[in-house]
Amino acid sequence: MHFSVIFLGYSIVRCVKGKYPAELLKAWDQFALNNRTENNRPDYFTADQHYVLLCMENGGVSLENFKLTSLEEAKSILQQMIFTLALLEKALKFEHRDLHVSNILVRGTKVDYLEYIIDGDRLTVPSAGLLCCMVDFTLSRLQIDDQVIYADLSSHSHIFSGSGEMQFYVYPLMRKIIGSWETFNPRTNVLWIAYLADFLAHAKYRNRKLPQAKKARLFAFKRRTKSWGACSAFVASSSFHSHTKREIVE
């Protein structure tokens, strides 16, 4: 039995056809004016183009643009992502494979503790007033019964030659440990958790960098992930249960 509270709800899923609407192009231009975008303006699609429309609940702000205020928030974000990945590894043999900070959404919540059930075990995470979810499963891998759904990243060579952003250091690391993109290798999820810890260590909190002592705690956590084979294996380990008494990020 598996359960989590941090998946976005869908209200409508539709397949439509046509040129990109002028109203949506205007919205895209406004977004590109106020934010950084790496995507091309979607005005080149023809009248024969098909689209999938997903009407979803508002998941909040990307972690990249979220204004952090405390180490407690950082710890909650890390734990929420670890528990979610652990659950999905168990339920679907899932790897996200693209879990950078633009693909993690953050919003406020009045719930003090978030509940997860993984392999029948009930686990809770202090929310620190935040609810996180992951989005964009374009590059992800999962398995439903005997059917494996995955993206062959060998045809996405551009992501292995990127530079500048921390995420571009993760893709080559994934490629090193994966023989075939079809196979299940949950160690890739751990690489993204290490990346997330690094991002949170370097982030600003109330427009200030973390004190060195607090930053060191996140770096120490990142080093510990080197011994993980999977998020689910860590959650099931005695090491995790000893850490829960002292918190994952000590």
C-alpha atoms as a PDB file:
ATOM      1  CA  MET A   1       0.000   0.000   0.000  1.00  0.00           C
ATOM      2  CA  HIS A   2       1.328   3.427  -0.983  1.00  0.00           C
ATOM      3  CA  PHE A   3      -0.027   6.919  -0.321  1.00  0.00           C
ATOM      4  CA  SER A   4       1.179  10.513  -0.649  1.00  0.00           C
ATOM      5  CA  VAL A   5      -0.428  13.921  -0.338  1.00  0.00           C
ATOM      6  CA  ILE A   6       1.743  15.867  -2.778  1.00  0.00           C
ATOM      7  CA  PHE A   7       0.555  15.049  -6.276  1.00  0.00           C
ATOM      8  CA  LEU A   8      -1.210  17.701  -8.329  1.00  0.00           C
ATOM      9  CA  GLY A   9      -4.834  16.999  -9.182  1.00  0.00           C
ATOM     10  CA  TYR A  10      -6.085  16.945 -12.783  1.00  0.00           C
ATOM     11  CA  SER A  11      -9.557  18.185 -13.719  1.00  0.00           C
ATOM     12  CA  ILE A  12      -9.470  17.894 -17.524  1.00  0.00           C
ATOM     13  CA  VAL A  13      -7.215  16.144 -20.064  1.00  0.00           C
ATOM     14  CA  ARG A  14      -7.909  16.817 -23.745  1.00  0.00           C
ATOM     15  CA  CYS A  15      -6.226  16.359 -27.127  1.00  0.00           C
ATOM     16  CA  VAL A  16      -6.740  19.365 -29.427  1.00  0.00           C
ATOM     17  CA  LYS A  17      -5.502  20.465 -32.850  1.00  0.00           C
ATOM     18  CA  GLY A  18      -4.692  23.808 -34.472  1.00  0.00           C
ATOM     19  CA  LYS A  19      -2.329  26.780 -34.574  1.00  0.00           C
ATOM     20  CA  TYR A  20      -1.086  28.141 -31.280  1.00  0.00           C
ATOM     21  CA  PRO A  21      -3.779  30.611 -30.086  1.00  0.00           C
ATOM     22  CA  ALA A  22      -2.934  34.321 -30.172  1.00  0.00           C
ATOM     23  CA  GLU A  23      -4.062  34.752 -26.564  1.00  0.00           C
ATOM     24  CA  LEU A  24      -1.619  32.082 -25.404  1.00  0.00           C
ATOM     25  CA  LEU A  25       1.181  33.608 -27.500  1.00  0.00           C
ATOM     26  CA  LYS A  26       0.518  36.916 -25.754  1.00  0.00           C
ATOM     27  CA  ALA A  27       0.718  35.182 -22.385  1.00  0.00           C
ATOM     28  CA  TRP A  28       3.973  33.475 -23.442  1.00  0.00           C
ATOM     29  CA  ASP A  29       5.463  36.829 -24.491  1.00  0.00           C
ATOM     30  CA  GLN A  30       4.517  38.373 -21.157  1.00  0.00           C
ATOM     31  CA  PHE A  31       6.107  35.499 -19.270  1.00  0.00           C
ATOM     32  CA  ALA A  32       9.293  35.659 -21.374  1.00  0.00           C
ATOM     33  CA  LEU A  33       9.498  39.401 -20.732  1.00  0.00           C
ATOM     34  CA  ASN A  34       9.393  38.980 -16.959  1.00  0.00           C
ATOM     35  CA  ASN A  35      11.160  35.636 -16.580  1.00  0.00           C
ATOM     36  CA  ARG A  36      14.047  33.704 -18.064  1.00  0.00           C
ATOM     37  CA  THR A  37      12.973  31.058 -20.593  1.00  0.00           C
ATOM     38  CA  GLU A  38      15.022  28.502 -22.526  1.00  0.00           C
ATOM     39  CA  ASN A  39      12.154  27.543 -24.861  1.00  0.00           C
ATOM     40  CA  ASN A  40      11.425  28.843 -28.341  1.00  0.00           C
ATOM     41  CA  ARG A  41       8.391  31.064 -28.930  1.00  0.00           C
ATOM     42  CA  PRO A  42       5.615  28.599 -29.915  1.00  0.00           C
ATOM     43  CA  ASP A  43       4.453  30.507 -33.003  1.00  0.00           C
ATOM     44  CA  TYR A  44       5.919  28.038 -35.500  1.00  0.00           C
ATOM     45  CA  PHE A  45       3.296  25.316 -35.041  1.00  0.00           C
ATOM     46  CA  THR A  46       1.004  24.687 -38.022  1.00  0.00           C
ATOM     47  CA  ALA A  47      -2.762  24.134 -38.130  1.00  0.00           C
ATOM     48  CA  ASP A  48      -2.085  20.376 -38.136  1.00  0.00           C
ATOM     49  CA  GLN A  49      -0.309  20.445 -34.769  1.00  0.00           C
ATOM     50  CA  HIS A  50      -1.784  18.329 -31.976  1.00  0.00           C
ATOM     51  CA  TYR A  51      -1.551  19.311 -28.307  1.00  0.00           C
ATOM     52  CA  VAL A  52      -2.413  17.670 -25.018  1.00  0.00           C
ATOM     53  CA  LEU A  53      -4.172  20.083 -22.656  1.00  0.00           C
ATOM     54  CA  LEU A  54      -3.790  19.383 -18.951  1.00  0.00           C
ATOM     55  CA  CYS A  55      -6.019  21.357 -16.592  1.00  0.00           C
ATOM     56  CA  MET A  56      -4.384  21.047 -13.183  1.00  0.00           C
ATOM     57  CA  GLU A  57      -4.647  22.569  -9.760  1.00  0.00           C
ATOM     58  CA  ASN A  58      -2.253  25.401  -8.945  1.00  0.00           C
ATOM     59  CA  GLY A  59       0.924  23.800  -7.594  1.00  0.00           C
ATOM     60  CA  GLY A  60       2.521  27.060  -6.520  1.00  0.00           C
ATOM     61  CA  VAL A  61       5.860  28.632  -7.454  1.00  0.00           C
ATOM     62  CA  SER A  62       8.898  26.819  -8.814  1.00  0.00           C
ATOM     63  CA  LEU A  63      11.571  26.264  -6.185  1.00  0.00           C
ATOM     64  CA  GLU A  64      13.920  28.221  -8.427  1.00  0.00           C
ATOM     65  CA  ASN A  65      11.818  31.349  -7.806  1.00  0.00           C
ATOM     66  CA  PHE A  66      10.518  30.583  -4.315  1.00  0.00           C
ATOM     67  CA  LYS A  67      11.654  32.888  -1.493  1.00  0.00           C
ATOM     68  CA  LEU A  68      13.060  30.626   1.213  1.00  0.00           C
ATOM     69  CA  THR A  69      13.142  31.838   4.808  1.00  0.00           C
ATOM     70  CA  SER A  70      14.680  29.102   6.989  1.00  0.00           C
ATOM     71  CA  LEU A  71      16.684  25.890   7.185  1.00  0.00           C
ATOM     72  CA  GLU A  72      13.509  24.191   8.464  1.00  0.00           C
ATOM     73  CA  GLU A  73      11.899  24.894   5.085  1.00  0.00           C
ATOM     74  CA  ALA A  74      14.919  23.445   3.288  1.00  0.00           C
ATOM     75  CA  LYS A  75      14.816  20.282   5.414  1.00  0.00           C
ATOM     76  CA  SER A  76      11.108  19.823   4.744  1.00  0.00           C
ATOM     77  CA  ILE A  77      11.587  20.241   0.990  1.00  0.00           C
ATOM     78  CA  LEU A  78      14.348  17.623   1.006  1.00  0.00           C
ATOM     79  CA  GLN A  79      12.322  15.161   3.065  1.00  0.00           C
ATOM     80  CA  GLN A  80       9.188  15.643   0.965  1.00  0.00           C
ATOM     81  CA  MET A  81      11.138  14.875  -2.211  1.00  0.00           C
ATOM     82  CA  ILE A  82      12.899  11.862  -0.651  1.00  0.00           C
ATOM     83  CA  PHE A  83       9.631  10.362   0.585  1.00  0.00           C
ATOM     84  CA  THR A  84       7.841  11.008  -2.708  1.00  0.00           C
ATOM     85  CA  LEU A  85      10.627   9.406  -4.740  1.00  0.00           C
ATOM     86  CA  ALA A  86      10.810   6.475  -2.311  1.00  0.00           C
ATOM     87  CA  LEU A  87       7.084   5.887  -2.697  1.00  0.00           C
ATOM     88  CA  LEU A  88       7.238   6.048  -6.500  1.00  0.00           C
ATOM     89  CA  GLU A  89      10.267   3.769  -6.658  1.00  0.00           C
ATOM     90  CA  LYS A  90       8.305   1.149  -4.753  1.00  0.00           C
ATOM     91  CA  ALA A  91       4.984   1.620  -6.536  1.00  0.00           C
ATOM     92  CA  LEU A  92       6.103   2.189 -10.134  1.00  0.00           C
ATOM     93  CA  LYS A  93       9.863   1.580 -10.341  1.00  0.00           C
ATOM     94  CA  PHE A  94      10.012   5.284 -11.054  1.00  0.00           C
ATOM     95  CA  GLU A  95      12.895   7.592 -11.910  1.00  0.00           C
ATOM     96  CA  HIS A  96      12.236  11.279 -12.539  1.00  0.00           C
ATOM     97  CA  ARG A  97      15.537  11.895 -14.356  1.00  0.00           C
ATOM     98  CA  ASP A  98      14.988  15.673 -14.616  1.00  0.00           C
ATOM     99  CA  LEU A  99      14.253  16.887 -11.094  1.00  0.00           C
ATOM    100  CA  HIS A 100      15.843  20.330 -11.244  1.00  0.00           C
ATOM    101  CA  VAL A 101      14.464  23.252  -9.254  1.00  0.00           C
ATOM    102  CA  SER A 102      12.142  24.431 -12.040  1.00  0.00           C
ATOM    103  CA  ASN A 103      10.361  21.063 -11.800  1.00  0.00           C
ATOM    104  CA  ILE A 104       9.676  21.303  -8.067  1.00  0.00           C
ATOM    105  CA  LEU A 105       6.684  23.458  -7.136  1.00  0.00           C
ATOM    106  CA  VAL A 106       6.208  24.951  -3.672  1.00  0.00           C
ATOM    107  CA  ARG A 107       3.081  26.411  -2.072  1.00  0.00           C
ATOM    108  CA  GLY A 108       1.945  27.220   1.433  1.00  0.00           C
ATOM    109  CA  THR A 109      -0.054  24.858   3.632  1.00  0.00           C
ATOM    110  CA  LYS A 110      -1.670  25.055   7.053  1.00  0.00           C
ATOM    111  CA  VAL A 111      -1.068  21.341   7.629  1.00  0.00           C
ATOM    112  CA  ASP A 112       1.694  20.778  10.192  1.00  0.00           C
ATOM    113  CA  TYR A 113       2.624  17.243   9.119  1.00  0.00           C
ATOM    114  CA  LEU A 114       2.444  15.498   5.740  1.00  0.00           C
ATOM    115  CA  GLU A 115       1.635  11.805   5.678  1.00  0.00           C
ATOM    116  CA  TYR A 116       3.080   9.066   3.492  1.00  0.00           C
ATOM    117  CA  ILE A 117       2.425   5.341   3.427  1.00  0.00           C
ATOM    118  CA  ILE A 118       5.252   3.334   1.857  1.00  0.00           C
ATOM    119  CA  ASP A 119       4.976  -0.453   1.800  1.00  0.00           C
ATOM    120  CA  GLY A 120       2.318  -0.144   4.491  1.00  0.00           C
ATOM    121  CA  ASP A 121       4.528   1.908   6.829  1.00  0.00           C
ATOM    122  CA  ARG A 122       3.034   5.238   7.900  1.00  0.00           C
ATOM    123  CA  LEU A 123       5.574   8.082   7.801  1.00  0.00           C
ATOM    124  CA  THR A 124       5.218  11.798   8.497  1.00  0.00           C
ATOM    125  CA  VAL A 125       7.237  14.885   7.564  1.00  0.00           C
ATOM    126  CA  PRO A 126       7.044  18.307   9.274  1.00  0.00           C
ATOM    127  CA  SER A 127       5.748  20.624   6.551  1.00  0.00           C
ATOM    128  CA  ALA A 128       7.404  23.851   7.810  1.00  0.00           C
ATOM    129  CA  GLY A 129       4.358  25.483   6.227  1.00  0.00           C
ATOM    130  CA  LEU A 130       5.216  24.206   2.737  1.00  0.00           C
ATOM    131  CA  LEU A 131       3.743  21.647   0.360  1.00  0.00           C
ATOM    132  CA  CYS A 132       5.971  20.501  -2.518  1.00  0.00           C
ATOM    133  CA  CYS A 133       5.288  18.523  -5.657  1.00  0.00           C
ATOM    134  CA  MET A 134       7.280  17.433  -8.675  1.00  0.00           C
ATOM    135  CA  VAL A 135       6.171  18.105 -12.242  1.00  0.00           C
ATOM    136  CA  ASP A 136       7.334  17.525 -15.832  1.00  0.00           C
ATOM    137  CA  PHE A 137       7.749  13.798 -16.355  1.00  0.00           C
ATOM    138  CA  THR A 138       8.959  14.118 -19.964  1.00  0.00           C
ATOM    139  CA  LEU A 139      12.241  12.295 -19.285  1.00  0.00           C
ATOM    140  CA  SER A 140      10.914  10.001 -16.567  1.00  0.00           C
ATOM    141  CA  ARG A 141      10.894   6.215 -16.399  1.00  0.00           C
ATOM    142  CA  LEU A 142       8.200   4.031 -14.807  1.00  0.00           C
ATOM    143  CA  GLN A 143       6.729   0.566 -15.055  1.00  0.00           C
ATOM    144  CA  ILE A 144       3.065  -0.484 -14.901  1.00  0.00           C
ATOM    145  CA  ASP A 145       2.781  -4.263 -14.716  1.00  0.00           C
ATOM    146  CA  ASP A 146       5.024  -5.444 -17.584  1.00  0.00           C
ATOM    147  CA  GLN A 147       4.914  -2.190 -19.549  1.00  0.00           C
ATOM    148  CA  VAL A 148       7.931   0.097 -19.239  1.00  0.00           C
ATOM    149  CA  ILE A 149       7.441   3.750 -20.173  1.00  0.00           C
ATOM    150  CA  TYR A 150      10.611   5.775 -20.610  1.00  0.00           C
ATOM    151  CA  ALA A 151      12.410   8.380 -22.701  1.00  0.00           C
ATOM    152  CA  ASP A 152      15.557   7.336 -24.542  1.00  0.00           C
ATOM    153  CA  LEU A 153      17.865  10.113 -23.409  1.00  0.00           C
ATOM    154  CA  SER A 154      20.529   9.046 -25.900  1.00  0.00           C
ATOM    155  CA  SER A 155      18.471  11.053 -28.418  1.00  0.00           C
ATOM    156  CA  HIS A 156      18.622  14.141 -26.153  1.00  0.00           C
ATOM    157  CA  SER A 157      22.341  14.805 -26.584  1.00  0.00           C
ATOM    158  CA  HIS A 158      21.949  18.544 -25.892  1.00  0.00           C
ATOM    159  CA  ILE A 159      21.252  17.984 -22.196  1.00  0.00           C
ATOM    160  CA  PHE A 160      24.630  16.272 -21.768  1.00  0.00           C
ATOM    161  CA  SER A 161      26.547  19.207 -23.244  1.00  0.00           C
ATOM    162  CA  GLY A 162      24.877  22.004 -21.272  1.00  0.00           C
ATOM    163  CA  SER A 163      26.778  24.151 -18.799  1.00  0.00           C
ATOM    164  CA  GLY A 164      26.288  26.842 -16.187  1.00  0.00           C
ATOM    165  CA  GLU A 165      23.287  25.513 -14.266  1.00  0.00           C
ATOM    166  CA  MET A 166      23.946  22.843 -11.617  1.00  0.00           C
ATOM    167  CA  GLN A 167      21.460  20.482 -13.261  1.00  0.00           C
ATOM    168  CA  PHE A 168      23.758  20.029 -16.267  1.00  0.00           C
ATOM    169  CA  TYR A 169      26.267  18.259 -14.032  1.00  0.00           C
ATOM    170  CA  VAL A 170      23.643  15.647 -13.102  1.00  0.00           C
ATOM    171  CA  TYR A 171      22.742  14.397 -16.588  1.00  0.00           C
ATOM    172  CA  PRO A 172      26.258  13.055 -17.373  1.00  0.00           C
ATOM    173  CA  LEU A 173      26.340  11.397 -13.936  1.00  0.00           C
ATOM    174  CA  MET A 174      23.083   9.621 -14.782  1.00  0.00           C
ATOM    175  CA  ARG A 175      24.488   8.456 -18.101  1.00  0.00           C
ATOM    176  CA  LYS A 176      27.537   6.974 -16.350  1.00  0.00           C
ATOM    177  CA  ILE A 177      25.454   4.684 -14.132  1.00  0.00           C
ATOM    178  CA  ILE A 178      22.751   3.689 -16.633  1.00  0.00           C
ATOM    179  CA  GLY A 179      23.498   0.997 -19.183  1.00  0.00           C
ATOM    180  CA  SER A 180      20.108   1.257 -20.884  1.00  0.00           C
ATOM    181  CA  TRP A 181      17.584   4.049 -20.380  1.00  0.00           C
ATOM    182  CA  GLU A 182      14.859   1.399 -20.286  1.00  0.00           C
ATOM    183  CA  THR A 183      16.194  -0.314 -17.166  1.00  0.00           C
ATOM    184  CA  PHE A 184      15.340   0.718 -13.612  1.00  0.00           C
ATOM    185  CA  ASN A 185      18.196   2.411 -11.775  1.00  0.00           C
ATOM    186  CA  PRO A 186      16.832   4.404  -8.812  1.00  0.00           C
ATOM    187  CA  ARG A 187      20.304   5.725  -8.028  1.00  0.00           C
ATOM    188  CA  THR A 188      19.415   8.507 -10.510  1.00  0.00           C
ATOM    189  CA  ASN A 189      16.813   9.786  -8.037  1.00  0.00           C
ATOM    190  CA  VAL A 190      19.535   9.978  -5.391  1.00  0.00           C
ATOM    191  CA  LEU A 191      21.664  12.109  -7.722  1.00  0.00           C
ATOM    192  CA  TRP A 192      18.825  14.629  -7.919  1.00  0.00           C
ATOM    193  CA  ILE A 193      18.438  14.635  -4.129  1.00  0.00           C
ATOM    194  CA  ALA A 194      22.161  15.448  -3.831  1.00  0.00           C
ATOM    195  CA  TYR A 195      21.684  18.214  -6.407  1.00  0.00           C
ATOM    196  CA  LEU A 196      18.731  19.554  -4.400  1.00  0.00           C
ATOM    197  CA  ALA A 197      20.766  19.605  -1.180  1.00  0.00           C
ATOM    198  CA  ASP A 198      23.490  21.535  -2.991  1.00  0.00           C
ATOM    199  CA  PHE A 199      20.977  24.054  -4.337  1.00  0.00           C
ATOM    200  CA  LEU A 200      19.475  24.596  -0.886  1.00  0.00           C
ATOM    201  CA  ALA A 201      22.944  25.052   0.629  1.00  0.00           C
ATOM    202  CA  HIS A 202      23.779  27.815  -1.845  1.00  0.00           C
ATOM    203  CA  ALA A 203      20.321  29.447  -1.844  1.00  0.00           C
ATOM    204  CA  LYS A 204      19.476  32.714  -0.127  1.00  0.00           C
ATOM    205  CA  TYR A 205      17.110  32.872   2.845  1.00  0.00           C
ATOM    206  CA  ARG A 206      15.411  36.229   3.402  1.00  0.00           C
ATOM    207  CA  ASN A 207      17.896  37.511   0.788  1.00  0.00           C
ATOM    208  CA  ARG A 208      20.864  36.295   2.838  1.00  0.00           C
ATOM    209  CA  LYS A 209      23.098  33.280   2.495  1.00  0.00           C
ATOM    210  CA  LEU A 210      22.911  30.579   5.142  1.00  0.00           C
ATOM    211  CA  PRO A 211      25.413  30.817   8.007  1.00  0.00           C
ATOM    212  CA  GLN A 212      28.364  28.494   7.434  1.00  0.00           C
ATOM    213  CA  ALA A 213      27.305  26.117  10.220  1.00  0.00           C
ATOM    214  CA  LYS A 214      23.863  25.563   8.677  1.00  0.00           C
ATOM    215  CA  LYS A 215      25.303  25.310   5.180  1.00  0.00           C
ATOM    216  CA  ALA A 216      27.720  22.652   6.451  1.00  0.00           C
ATOM    217  CA  ARG A 217      24.776  20.542   7.637  1.00  0.00           C
ATOM    218  CA  LEU A 218      23.326  20.455   4.136  1.00  0.00           C
ATOM    219  CA  PHE A 219      26.701  19.606   2.615  1.00  0.00           C
ATOM    220  CA  ALA A 220      27.132  16.800   5.169  1.00  0.00           C
ATOM    221  CA  PHE A 221      23.725  15.445   4.169  1.00  0.00           C
ATOM    222  CA  LYS A 222      24.736  15.609   0.503  1.00  0.00           C
ATOM    223  CA  ARG A 223      27.871  13.560   1.229  1.00  0.00           C
ATOM    224  CA  ARG A 224      25.801  10.891   2.980  1.00  0.00           C
ATOM    225  CA  THR A 225      23.720  10.345  -0.162  1.00  0.00           C
ATOM    226  CA  LYS A 226      26.801   8.844  -1.856  1.00  0.00           C
ATOM    227  CA  SER A 227      26.074   5.591  -0.025  1.00  0.00           C
ATOM    228  CA  TRP A 228      22.420   5.412  -1.095  1.00  0.00           C
ATOM    229  CA  GLY A 229      21.376   3.049  -3.871  1.00  0.00           C
ATOM    230  CA  ALA A 230      17.819   4.430  -3.906  1.00  0.00           C
ATOM    231  CA  CYS A 231      15.593   6.753  -1.912  1.00  0.00           C
ATOM    232  CA  SER A 232      13.378   3.789  -1.016  1.00  0.00           C
ATOM    233  CA  ALA A 233      16.355   1.777   0.236  1.00  0.00           C
ATOM    234  CA  PHE A 234      17.402   4.652   2.499  1.00  0.00           C
ATOM    235  CA  VAL A 235      13.873   5.101   3.884  1.00  0.00           C
ATOM    236  CA  ALA A 236      13.706   1.356   4.619  1.00  0.00           C
ATOM    237  CA  SER A 237      17.150   1.277   6.253  1.00  0.00           C
ATOM    238  CA  SER A 238      18.041   1.316   9.920  1.00  0.00           C
ATOM    239  CA  SER A 239      20.179   4.365   9.128  1.00  0.00           C
ATOM    240  CA  PHE A 240      17.055   6.298   8.165  1.00  0.00           C
ATOM    241  CA  HIS A 241      15.135   5.281  11.263  1.00  0.00           C
ATOM    242  CA  SER A 242      18.005   6.412  13.476  1.00  0.00           C
ATOM    243  CA  HIS A 243      18.119   9.703  11.605  1.00  0.00           C
ATOM    244  CA  THR A 244      14.392  10.330  12.029  1.00  0.00           C
ATOM    245  CA  LYS A 245      14.993  10.688  15.736  1.00  0.00           C
ATOM    246  CA  ARG A 246      17.604  13.380  15.084  1.00  0.00           C
ATOM    247  CA  GLU A 247      16.252  14.553  11.698  1.00  0.00           C
ATOM    248  CA  ILE A 248      17.647  13.626   8.281  1.00  0.00           C
ATOM    249  CA  VAL A 249      19.624  16.876   8.108  1.00  0.00           C
ATOM    250  CA  GLU A 250      21.358  16.912  11.474  1.00  0.00           C
END
